[in-house]
Amino acid sequence: MKNLTITSGRALLTLSMASCAAVFSWHLWSFYMEAPWTRDARVRADIVRLAPDVSGPVAAVLVTDNSQVEKGMPLFRIETDRFELAVREAEAQVESTKAAADLARIDFERYQLLVSKEAASLKERQHAEGQMNQADAAHQSALVALDLAKLNRGRTLVRAPASGKITNFALRAGNYVSAGNAVGVLIENQAVYVAGYFEETKIPKIHIGDRVKVDIMGEPQSVGGRVAGIAAGIEDRERSEATGSLASVAPTFSWVRLAQRIPVRIEIDNVPDAVRLIAGRTATVFVEPNSN
């Protein structure tokens, strides 16, 4: 009888442990498959590419890589010699066209007086008026060219377009920079966010405004945020389209259907002082359901 009791107790204990393990495994599997969370997330940032508006050799670099800058702060300066010459040339052209416009106006006024006294024909007056208008237009064009020359001279000093941190900036004095070609990037102070790539089966449980907990790899503390937006579309790799022609669809079908990943933008609103938000870092995102 005693042996039967011990055997029954052991069987009951084993059954209880197996049941607990089954329930725990079911909850773990349900959380892993259905809960709105993902390990596929990245810290990202909206960046501003630092590119000069004019071309030329760099005369001086005023900041270093990874510097914190304020909006309007000088970053580097391009040699101004040729731009000073361009301004002087434009000023000379303004003076020349102004003199020509003044002479054309005097001629027009003289012909206008002669026509009133019938000493000149109407055709000669109209011709003089046309010459005056052309001279005035040339003078206005010269004024615009002067303003442009001064603008280009002012753009030789490249300033920070926003407040933030400069990175990937390796410019040195003597380098030649071209207009429109970036020499570094600036990450704005308020432009850092988290992009979470959620399986499409979990998207119905994610809503705009839901609270989010973000665990950044290597950081002991979590970062708080909210769901700011869900992507409106992703690329269809099985189909290619060209304007004016039929769609091209790959004639294959994968029997293992993997859930697509949908980008979700998460705005950060609670960052512990010890956490460093560096664009590109890996993160795990947990969305708290019904928290908006």
Protein backbone atom coordinates (compact mmCIF):
# COMPACT_ATOMS: atom_id res chain seq x y z
CA MET A 1 0.00 0.00 0.00
CA LYS A 2 2.83 2.32 0.89
CA ASN A 3 4.60 1.62 -2.41
CA LEU A 4 1.37 2.30 -4.30
CA THR A 5 1.02 5.67 -2.55
CA ILE A 6 4.62 6.61 -3.35
CA THR A 7 4.20 5.56 -6.98
CA SER A 8 0.93 7.49 -7.29
CA GLY A 9 2.53 10.54 -5.73
CA ARG A 10 5.44 10.41 -8.13
CA ALA A 11 3.12 9.98 -11.10
CA LEU A 12 0.97 12.89 -9.93
CA LEU A 13 4.04 15.08 -9.42
CA THR A 14 5.36 14.19 -12.87
CA LEU A 15 1.98 14.88 -14.42
CA SER A 16 1.74 18.22 -12.64
CA MET A 17 5.21 19.25 -13.75
CA ALA A 18 4.43 18.18 -17.31
CA SER A 19 1.18 20.16 -17.24
CA CYS A 20 2.96 23.25 -15.92
CA ALA A 21 5.62 22.90 -18.58
CA ALA A 22 2.95 22.53 -21.26
CA VAL A 23 1.07 25.60 -20.04
CA PHE A 24 4.31 27.61 -19.81
CA SER A 25 5.36 26.48 -23.29
CA TRP A 26 1.95 27.39 -24.68
CA HIS A 27 2.09 30.88 -23.15
CA LEU A 28 5.67 31.32 -24.36
CA TRP A 29 4.74 30.21 -27.88
CA SER A 30 1.65 32.45 -27.86
CA PHE A 31 3.73 35.43 -26.75
CA TYR A 32 6.42 34.73 -29.33
CA MET A 33 3.99 34.27 -32.22
CA GLU A 34 1.18 36.71 -31.40
CA ALA A 35 2.38 39.44 -29.03
CA PRO A 36 3.32 42.74 -30.75
CA TRP A 37 7.08 42.68 -30.24
CA THR A 38 10.13 42.29 -32.43
CA ARG A 39 13.87 41.88 -32.08
CA ASP A 40 14.31 43.32 -35.56
CA ALA A 41 14.53 47.03 -34.77
CA ARG A 42 17.09 49.75 -35.35
CA VAL A 43 17.79 53.18 -33.96
CA ARG A 44 17.55 55.54 -36.92
CA ALA A 45 17.78 59.25 -37.57
CA ASP A 46 16.73 61.79 -40.17
CA ILE A 47 19.99 63.23 -41.42
CA VAL A 48 20.97 66.45 -43.20
CA ARG A 49 23.71 66.03 -45.79
CA LEU A 50 26.34 68.75 -45.49
CA ALA A 51 27.07 69.96 -49.00
CA PRO A 52 28.45 73.34 -50.12
CA ASP A 53 26.43 75.52 -52.46
CA VAL A 54 29.56 76.62 -54.37
CA SER A 55 32.71 74.83 -55.51
CA GLY A 56 36.31 75.58 -54.60
CA PRO A 57 39.28 74.65 -52.42
CA VAL A 58 38.71 74.63 -48.66
CA ALA A 59 40.54 77.44 -46.86
CA ALA A 60 39.72 76.47 -43.27
CA VAL A 61 37.81 73.77 -41.36
CA LEU A 62 36.20 75.19 -38.23
CA VAL A 63 34.76 72.04 -36.58
CA THR A 64 35.84 68.45 -36.00
CA ASP A 65 34.13 65.13 -36.56
CA ASN A 66 31.39 64.23 -34.02
CA SER A 67 31.09 67.85 -32.88
CA GLN A 68 27.87 69.21 -31.40
CA VAL A 69 26.87 72.34 -33.34
CA GLU A 70 24.11 74.92 -33.22
CA LYS A 71 22.10 76.17 -36.17
CA GLY A 72 24.02 78.82 -38.09
CA MET A 73 27.41 77.88 -36.63
CA PRO A 74 30.26 78.10 -39.23
CA LEU A 75 31.56 74.67 -40.30
CA PHE A 76 34.16 75.40 -42.98
CA ARG A 77 35.17 78.15 -45.38
CA ILE A 78 35.96 77.99 -49.10
CA GLU A 79 38.58 80.29 -50.63
CA THR A 80 36.94 83.58 -51.66
CA ASP A 81 39.45 84.98 -54.18
CA ARG A 82 37.59 84.04 -57.35
CA PHE A 83 34.27 85.04 -55.79
CA GLU A 84 35.64 88.48 -54.93
CA LEU A 85 36.73 88.85 -58.55
CA ALA A 86 33.28 87.76 -59.72
CA VAL A 87 31.68 90.47 -57.55
CA ARG A 88 34.03 93.13 -58.95
CA GLU A 89 33.28 92.01 -62.50
CA ALA A 90 29.53 92.13 -61.81
CA GLU A 91 29.86 95.63 -60.31
CA ALA A 92 31.69 96.84 -63.42
CA GLN A 93 28.96 95.35 -65.60
CA VAL A 94 26.33 97.17 -63.55
CA GLU A 95 28.11 100.49 -64.07
CA SER A 96 28.45 99.84 -67.82
CA THR A 97 24.82 98.92 -68.32
CA LYS A 98 23.69 101.84 -66.17
CA ALA A 99 25.61 104.26 -68.37
CA ALA A 100 24.14 102.67 -71.50
CA ALA A 101 20.63 102.84 -70.02
CA ASP A 102 21.06 106.53 -69.10
CA LEU A 103 22.27 107.32 -72.64
CA ALA A 104 19.39 105.42 -74.20
CA ARG A 105 16.90 107.31 -72.02
CA ILE A 106 18.40 110.67 -73.06
CA ASP A 107 18.11 109.65 -76.71
CA PHE A 108 14.48 108.63 -76.24
CA GLU A 109 13.60 111.92 -74.52
CA ARG A 110 15.28 113.85 -77.36
CA TYR A 111 13.36 111.95 -80.04
CA GLN A 112 10.16 112.44 -78.08
CA LEU A 113 10.78 116.21 -78.15
CA LEU A 114 11.64 116.16 -81.85
CA VAL A 115 8.46 114.22 -82.68
CA SER A 116 6.39 116.82 -80.84
CA LYS A 117 7.99 119.46 -83.07
CA GLU A 118 7.61 117.23 -86.13
CA ALA A 119 11.41 117.18 -86.56
CA ALA A 120 11.61 113.38 -86.30
CA SER A 121 9.40 110.53 -87.42
CA LEU A 122 7.27 108.33 -85.16
CA LYS A 123 9.33 105.32 -86.31
CA GLU A 124 12.54 106.91 -85.04
CA ARG A 125 10.88 107.61 -81.70
CA GLN A 126 9.68 103.99 -81.39
CA HIS A 127 13.16 102.75 -82.25
CA ALA A 128 14.65 104.97 -79.55
CA GLU A 129 12.07 103.70 -77.07
CA GLY A 130 12.98 100.08 -77.90
CA GLN A 131 16.67 100.83 -77.43
CA MET A 132 15.89 102.40 -74.05
CA ASN A 133 13.87 99.36 -72.92
CA GLN A 134 16.63 96.98 -74.00
CA ALA A 135 19.22 99.02 -72.11
CA ASP A 136 17.03 99.03 -68.98
CA ALA A 137 16.60 95.24 -69.22
CA ALA A 138 20.35 94.75 -69.58
CA HIS A 139 20.90 96.91 -66.51
CA GLN A 140 18.38 94.89 -64.48
CA SER A 141 20.09 91.69 -65.62
CA ALA A 142 23.45 93.07 -64.48
CA LEU A 143 21.97 93.91 -61.07
CA VAL A 144 20.73 90.32 -60.72
CA ALA A 145 24.17 89.01 -61.71
CA LEU A 146 25.71 91.22 -59.02
CA ASP A 147 23.30 89.90 -56.39
CA LEU A 148 24.13 86.34 -57.45
CA ALA A 149 27.86 87.02 -57.25
CA LYS A 150 27.45 88.43 -53.74
CA LEU A 151 25.29 85.45 -52.76
CA ASN A 152 27.94 82.99 -53.99
CA ARG A 153 30.61 84.92 -52.10
CA GLY A 154 28.53 84.65 -48.94
CA ARG A 155 28.00 80.92 -49.48
CA THR A 156 31.76 80.31 -49.26
CA LEU A 157 31.22 80.16 -45.50
CA VAL A 158 29.22 76.95 -44.93
CA ARG A 159 27.06 77.03 -41.81
CA ALA A 160 25.16 74.35 -39.91
CA PRO A 161 21.61 74.11 -41.32
CA ALA A 162 20.27 72.84 -37.98
CA SER A 163 21.33 72.07 -34.43
CA GLY A 164 22.73 68.61 -33.98
CA LYS A 165 25.80 66.42 -34.15
CA ILE A 166 28.15 66.15 -37.13
CA THR A 167 29.41 62.72 -38.11
CA ASN A 168 31.39 61.13 -40.94
CA PHE A 169 33.10 64.49 -41.41
CA ALA A 170 36.70 64.15 -42.58
CA LEU A 171 37.18 67.41 -44.47
CA ARG A 172 40.62 69.01 -44.41
CA ALA A 173 41.94 72.38 -45.52
CA GLY A 174 43.13 72.20 -49.10
CA ASN A 175 40.51 69.68 -50.23
CA TYR A 176 38.45 70.70 -53.25
CA VAL A 177 34.71 70.54 -52.68
CA SER A 178 32.05 70.57 -55.36
CA ALA A 179 28.64 72.20 -55.13
CA GLY A 180 25.99 69.71 -54.09
CA ASN A 181 28.43 66.94 -53.07
CA ALA A 182 28.11 66.01 -49.40
CA VAL A 183 31.21 66.14 -47.21
CA GLY A 184 29.51 64.82 -44.07
CA VAL A 185 26.14 64.47 -42.37
CA LEU A 186 24.40 66.20 -39.50
CA ILE A 187 22.00 64.37 -37.20
CA GLU A 188 19.47 66.77 -35.74
CA ASN A 189 18.92 66.70 -31.98
CA GLN A 190 15.24 65.77 -32.25
CA ALA A 191 15.51 63.55 -35.35
CA VAL A 192 16.41 60.21 -33.71
CA TYR A 193 13.72 57.53 -33.73
CA VAL A 194 13.36 53.73 -33.70
CA ALA A 195 12.24 51.69 -36.70
CA GLY A 196 10.70 48.36 -35.73
CA TYR A 197 10.10 45.75 -38.42
CA PHE A 198 7.07 43.75 -37.28
CA GLU A 199 5.62 40.61 -38.87
CA GLU A 200 2.44 41.38 -40.76
CA THR A 201 0.48 39.01 -38.49
CA LYS A 202 1.19 41.34 -35.56
CA ILE A 203 0.26 44.61 -37.25
CA PRO A 204 -3.48 44.40 -36.32
CA LYS A 205 -2.47 44.64 -32.65
CA ILE A 206 -0.42 47.80 -33.18
CA HIS A 207 -2.10 51.22 -33.18
CA ILE A 208 -0.95 54.80 -33.50
CA GLY A 209 -0.16 56.18 -30.05
CA ASP A 210 0.50 52.82 -28.34
CA ARG A 211 3.17 52.97 -25.67
CA VAL A 212 6.41 51.19 -26.56
CA LYS A 213 9.34 49.87 -24.54
CA VAL A 214 12.63 49.79 -26.41
CA ASP A 215 15.60 47.72 -25.19
CA ILE A 216 18.77 48.81 -26.98
CA MET A 217 21.46 46.16 -27.18
CA GLY A 218 24.17 46.81 -24.63
CA GLU A 219 22.14 49.31 -22.59
CA PRO A 220 20.98 48.36 -19.07
CA GLN A 221 17.94 50.66 -19.11
CA SER A 222 14.94 50.75 -21.43
CA VAL A 223 13.81 53.67 -23.56
CA GLY A 224 10.19 54.76 -23.74
CA GLY A 225 8.26 55.87 -26.80
CA ARG A 226 5.05 55.79 -28.80
CA VAL A 227 4.00 54.36 -32.14
CA ALA A 228 4.09 57.30 -34.55
CA GLY A 229 3.29 55.62 -37.85
CA ILE A 230 2.97 52.38 -39.78
CA ALA A 231 4.37 52.05 -43.28
CA ALA A 232 1.79 52.28 -46.08
CA GLY A 233 3.56 49.76 -48.31
CA ILE A 234 6.60 47.56 -48.89
CA GLU A 235 8.29 46.23 -52.02
CA ASP A 236 6.79 43.16 -53.74
CA ARG A 237 9.80 41.06 -54.69
CA GLU A 238 7.74 38.66 -56.77
CA ARG A 239 6.54 41.34 -59.17
CA SER A 240 8.18 44.02 -61.27
CA GLU A 241 6.41 46.78 -63.13
CA ALA A 242 7.35 49.15 -65.90
CA THR A 243 5.35 52.15 -67.02
CA GLY A 244 3.34 51.36 -70.13
CA SER A 245 3.87 47.59 -70.06
CA LEU A 246 2.41 44.53 -68.38
CA ALA A 247 3.42 43.41 -64.91
CA SER A 248 6.10 40.74 -64.72
CA VAL A 249 5.33 38.12 -62.04
CA ALA A 250 7.82 35.41 -61.09
CA PRO A 251 6.39 31.95 -62.06
CA THR A 252 7.34 30.40 -58.73
CA PHE A 253 5.54 29.82 -55.46
CA SER A 254 7.17 29.15 -52.12
CA TRP A 255 5.25 26.63 -50.04
CA VAL A 256 6.77 28.07 -46.88
CA ARG A 257 5.06 31.44 -46.56
CA LEU A 258 7.09 33.76 -44.34
CA ALA A 259 5.32 36.75 -42.86
CA GLN A 260 6.40 40.03 -44.40
CA ARG A 261 8.04 42.64 -42.20
CA ILE A 262 6.25 45.98 -41.94
CA PRO A 263 8.22 49.06 -40.78
CA VAL A 264 6.74 50.85 -37.78
CA ARG A 265 8.09 54.27 -36.74
CA ILE A 266 8.48 54.83 -33.01
CA GLU A 267 9.03 58.32 -31.64
CA ILE A 268 11.17 58.39 -28.51
CA ASP A 269 9.97 60.48 -25.55
CA ASN A 270 11.76 59.05 -22.52
CA VAL A 271 15.53 58.49 -22.65
CA PRO A 272 17.53 57.74 -19.49
CA ASP A 273 20.66 59.87 -19.14
CA ALA A 274 22.94 56.83 -19.34
CA VAL A 275 21.54 55.62 -22.68
CA ARG A 276 23.29 56.65 -25.89
CA LEU A 277 21.03 56.89 -28.92
CA ILE A 278 23.37 56.15 -31.81
CA ALA A 279 21.82 55.67 -35.23
CA GLY A 280 22.22 52.09 -36.40
CA ARG A 281 22.15 50.38 -33.00
CA THR A 282 20.12 47.18 -32.62
CA ALA A 283 17.00 47.20 -30.45
CA THR A 284 14.13 45.04 -29.26
CA VAL A 285 10.69 46.64 -29.25
CA PHE A 286 7.70 45.71 -27.10
CA VAL A 287 4.35 47.37 -27.87
CA GLU A 288 1.99 47.68 -24.93
CA PRO A 289 -1.48 46.86 -26.33
CA ASN A 290 -4.38 49.25 -25.67
CA SER A 291 -2.04 51.83 -24.15
CA ASN A 292 -2.86 54.82 -26.36
